[in-house]
Amino acid sequence: MSATAPHADPIRQYLETARTQIAKGELRQAAETLNKAQKKSPNDARVFMLAGLMAEKAGNVKGAFEALRKSVALAPTWGPGLLELALLLARQNQFQEAVETAEKVAKLEPKNLLVLAGVVDIAHRAGHAEMAVRHLRRGLELVPGDVQLRRLLAADLEGLGQHAEALDVWNGLIAQDPKDQQALLGRVKTLLAAGKPAQAAADTTTLLELAPGDSVYAYYSALAHGVTPPHQPVELNRHLFDGLAEVYDQHTVRGLRYQLPKIVADKILARYPDKHLNVLDLGCGTGLLGVCLGRIDGFLIGVDVSTKMIEQAHRHRVYDRFHTVNLLDALRETPGDIYEVITALDVFIYTGELGETIPNAHRILLPAGDFYFSCEAAPEEGADLVLQSNGRYAHKRSHVQALCRQAGFESVEIEDLTLRYEGGEPVQGFLVKARKAAA
């Protein structure tokens, strides 16, 4: 059904004006415009839908839900209202209802490409790759050959481990445009994930010819040629975590049962019950360590390459300052003897080689200070540093212990533990507490 009668629309101009005002952040003016529209049409679902978008932009999430649910109640089968409610649910990490509502909209408006785009976005936010693939295939029935839909489909297939199907899609895109960098890089990633690095080498050469000096392409080129890069490019991690920021806490804590911040915070507070200390949180992400520590009598400084993750951490109001920099640079440029505690939790799986990191952490710790960090465990009989097929580094325990000793740490305690769960399976690693000698 339509949310309004098919004859002359008395409030259309008001609605268009209000939508523009909301987009520009002119919320007071938008409210006045919507009030005028509601006086003319008191029970128009469109007015409440826009009121919901306005409330969310103003930071009033509760008001946004109330308005959007009112819109849906007034027009239960009106696609735009349902879609906006589903999108809000997804943005607020209420994924079960978001997915259910999105599926309802898709059935109501199966040929609406804007609805399709919203449904796919919700599927991605919710981590439902199978749902995304199903709707992307449906989209390609509506617009056969659409490049963006094919790229998204191939990436989702690769994420599901359906490498052969993903390669078929990438191959078709590259045949159509041999200089499609997104498709070339997608095929490289799929071949690497499928355990066929040698077959990816030619594509990495093409990518570097198209964009000489690109650090991400150089990184994948090294992998394709059998070389383990000592570090991952900052740009790669920034892109990854910017995309995860809004769903990171729910995904890691609830979905992956990630408890490291709580474990380490408890250890810190056991030593400093008065909370009188300065802490440097490397790779602070969304601020989970800060949440577990609470406000401290000192400085809590967060460092992360992702602006979006820091925006989430800032909301907790427990950090005193943030630096959006590579943690290697942060350590290198920090003066000595400042912090009682430095933490790096679930960070070195992305940064790699620790030969420079550990000595710099020792340098900037105060005497008797502690450096807490975690690593995924590499086999003791293998290399000191291993880049796994999932794109994360694993470190050999004995090598990490030796690096800490060489850096001058007086004591090194290593605790084996499960870092998180993925696909229901435990990810094994270890937590290190390296203590600097007292003065």
Foldseek 3Di string as FASTA:
>chain_A
DALDDPPDDPLPVLLVVLVVCLVVVVLVVSVVSLVVSCVVPVQRLSSLQSQLSSCVSVVNNVSNLVSLVSSCVSPVLHLVSLLSNLLSCLLQVVLVVSLVSLVSSCVSCVLDVVSLVSNLVSCVSNVNLVSNLVSLVSVCVNVPPDPVSLLSNLLSCLVVVVLVVSLVSLVVNCVVPVLPLSSLVSNLLSCLLVVNLCVSLVSLVSNCVVPPPDQQSVCSNCVSVPHHDQAHDLVVVQVVLLVCQSPVVCCFCVVWVACVLLVVLVVVCVVVVQLQWEEEEEQCFLPSNQVNNDAGNYAYEYEELYPSRVVNNVVVVRHPYYDNDHVLVVLVPDAFAHGLEYEYEPHCQRTHDCLSPLLSVLGRHHAFHKYKYKFQADDQVDDQWDQDSVRTIGGHPVVVVVSLVVSQFPDKDKAWDFRTHDPNHTGIIIMIITTHHHD
